[in-house]
Amino acid sequence: MNYVKIYISALILFLLIDALWLTVIARSMYKHYLGYLMGEVVWWAVISFYVLFIFGLQYFCIIPAMKAQSVMQALYTGALFGLVSYATYDLTNQATIKGWPILITGIDLLWGAFIGAVVSALTVKIALLLKLY
């Protein structure tokens, strides 16, 4: 399997989809509900999240689904991985930050499941089509 090409494919898909979410779809919502917490972007933390999230997605979801040649397996495991990953952040904030909006927690958990599922499934589909396994 060509793990580097698969990783790069997943990373590009994730960056494109998440950029659309953060800059177009959810930007005003986050600003409205979390504006009081927002500051300058800490780029090393952003980059670290993307690198680690995609590594986990590849290890736990994409590679096993590639071995099974199952886009559906990638979809389900990606959704679970995304949900758990985003829940770690949002539920910790819910528990520790006074006034953290429950609406943001709910939306982020759905978003994590959605983006994990879509990126995993699309990456597996592309890898199978390009025979990267």
Protein backbone atom coordinates (compact mmCIF):
# COMPACT_ATOMS: atom_id res chain seq x y z
CA MET A 1 0.00 0.00 0.00
CA ASN A 2 1.21 3.49 -0.74
CA TYR A 3 0.59 5.02 2.69
CA VAL A 4 2.06 8.43 1.85
CA LYS A 5 -0.19 8.98 -1.18
CA ILE A 6 -3.21 7.79 0.78
CA TYR A 7 -2.31 10.12 3.67
CA ILE A 8 -1.85 13.10 1.35
CA SER A 9 -5.17 12.35 -0.37
CA ALA A 10 -7.00 12.26 2.96
CA LEU A 11 -5.26 15.41 4.15
CA ILE A 12 -6.16 17.37 1.01
CA LEU A 13 -9.78 16.23 1.19
CA PHE A 14 -10.00 17.12 4.87
CA LEU A 15 -8.42 20.55 4.38
CA LEU A 16 -10.74 21.42 1.49
CA ILE A 17 -13.91 20.30 3.26
CA ASP A 18 -12.95 21.79 6.63
CA ALA A 19 -11.91 25.10 5.02
CA LEU A 20 -15.32 25.35 3.39
CA TRP A 21 -16.97 24.64 6.76
CA LEU A 22 -14.83 27.06 8.76
CA THR A 23 -14.73 29.96 6.31
CA VAL A 24 -18.12 29.84 4.60
CA ILE A 25 -20.72 27.67 6.32
CA ALA A 26 -20.04 27.96 10.06
CA ARG A 27 -17.90 31.09 10.36
CA SER A 28 -20.66 33.45 11.50
CA MET A 29 -22.09 30.84 13.87
CA TYR A 30 -18.75 30.32 15.62
CA LYS A 31 -18.18 34.08 15.78
CA HIS A 32 -21.65 34.62 17.27
CA TYR A 33 -21.40 31.90 19.92
CA LEU A 34 -17.66 31.82 20.62
CA GLY A 35 -16.48 35.28 19.62
CA TYR A 36 -15.69 36.11 23.24
CA LEU A 37 -13.12 33.29 23.26
CA MET A 38 -11.55 33.86 19.85
CA GLY A 39 -8.06 35.26 19.48
CA GLU A 40 -5.21 34.91 17.05
CA VAL A 41 -4.87 31.54 15.33
CA VAL A 42 -2.15 29.39 16.87
CA TRP A 43 -0.85 27.75 13.71
CA TRP A 44 1.31 25.06 15.30
CA ALA A 45 -1.81 23.78 17.11
CA VAL A 46 -3.89 23.86 13.90
CA ILE A 47 -1.23 21.98 11.96
CA SER A 48 -0.74 19.49 14.80
CA PHE A 49 -4.47 18.73 14.89
CA TYR A 50 -4.68 18.14 11.13
CA VAL A 51 -1.56 15.95 11.05
CA LEU A 52 -2.69 13.84 14.02
CA PHE A 53 -6.36 13.59 13.03
CA ILE A 54 -5.51 12.38 9.53
CA PHE A 55 -2.92 9.97 10.92
CA GLY A 56 -5.58 8.49 13.22
CA LEU A 57 -8.17 8.41 10.44
CA GLN A 58 -5.73 6.59 8.19
CA TYR A 59 -4.58 4.12 10.82
CA PHE A 60 -7.95 3.26 12.36
CA CYS A 61 -10.35 3.74 9.45
CA ILE A 62 -8.85 4.11 5.98
CA ILE A 63 -6.22 1.35 5.97
CA PRO A 64 -8.53 -1.31 7.47
CA ALA A 65 -11.24 -0.34 4.98
CA MET A 66 -8.72 -0.49 2.13
CA LYS A 67 -7.70 -3.99 3.19
CA ALA A 68 -11.37 -4.98 3.24
CA GLN A 69 -11.92 -3.05 -0.01
CA SER A 70 -14.99 -1.51 1.62
CA VAL A 71 -16.01 2.11 1.19
CA MET A 72 -18.92 1.47 3.57
CA GLN A 73 -16.54 0.30 6.31
CA ALA A 74 -14.57 3.52 5.82
CA LEU A 75 -17.78 5.54 6.07
CA TYR A 76 -18.89 3.94 9.36
CA THR A 77 -15.50 3.83 11.08
CA GLY A 78 -14.67 7.33 9.88
CA ALA A 79 -17.93 8.62 11.35
CA LEU A 80 -17.17 6.97 14.69
CA PHE A 81 -13.57 8.22 14.74
CA GLY A 82 -14.68 11.77 13.87
CA LEU A 83 -17.41 11.72 16.50
CA VAL A 84 -15.08 10.53 19.25
CA SER A 85 -12.31 12.96 18.25
CA TYR A 86 -14.56 15.99 18.16
CA ALA A 87 -16.35 14.86 21.33
CA THR A 88 -13.03 14.88 23.16
CA TYR A 89 -12.61 18.58 22.42
CA ASP A 90 -16.19 19.77 22.73
CA LEU A 91 -17.25 17.76 25.76
CA THR A 92 -14.09 18.80 27.60
CA ASN A 93 -14.96 22.42 26.80
CA GLN A 94 -18.56 21.81 27.85
CA ALA A 95 -17.31 20.47 31.18
CA THR A 96 -14.69 23.14 31.88
CA ILE A 97 -15.57 26.44 30.17
CA LYS A 98 -18.32 28.47 31.78
CA GLY A 99 -20.98 29.33 29.23
CA TRP A 100 -19.76 26.97 26.51
CA PRO A 101 -22.79 26.71 24.19
CA ILE A 102 -24.37 23.27 24.04
CA LEU A 103 -25.48 24.09 20.50
CA ILE A 104 -21.82 24.32 19.44
CA THR A 105 -21.10 20.97 21.07
CA GLY A 106 -23.96 19.30 19.21
CA ILE A 107 -23.07 20.84 15.86
CA ASP A 108 -19.38 20.02 16.27
CA LEU A 109 -20.12 16.39 17.14
CA LEU A 110 -22.24 16.09 14.00
CA TRP A 111 -19.55 17.84 11.97
CA GLY A 112 -16.82 15.54 13.30
CA ALA A 113 -18.83 12.46 12.41
CA PHE A 114 -19.67 13.86 8.98
CA ILE A 115 -16.17 14.94 7.99
CA GLY A 116 -14.60 11.75 9.37
CA ALA A 117 -17.05 9.64 7.37
CA VAL A 118 -16.78 11.61 4.14
CA VAL A 119 -12.99 11.92 4.14
CA SER A 120 -12.52 8.23 4.97
CA ALA A 121 -14.99 7.03 2.35
CA LEU A 122 -13.71 9.34 -0.39
CA THR A 123 -10.08 8.49 0.36
CA VAL A 124 -10.80 4.76 0.16
CA LYS A 125 -12.82 5.23 -3.04
CA ILE A 126 -10.01 7.24 -4.66
CA ALA A 127 -7.32 4.80 -3.45
CA LEU A 128 -9.25 1.82 -4.79
CA LEU A 129 -9.83 3.54 -8.14
CA LEU A 130 -6.14 4.48 -8.42
CA LYS A 131 -5.03 1.08 -7.11
CA LEU A 132 -2.93 2.56 -4.28
CA TYR A 133 -3.25 -0.63 -2.23
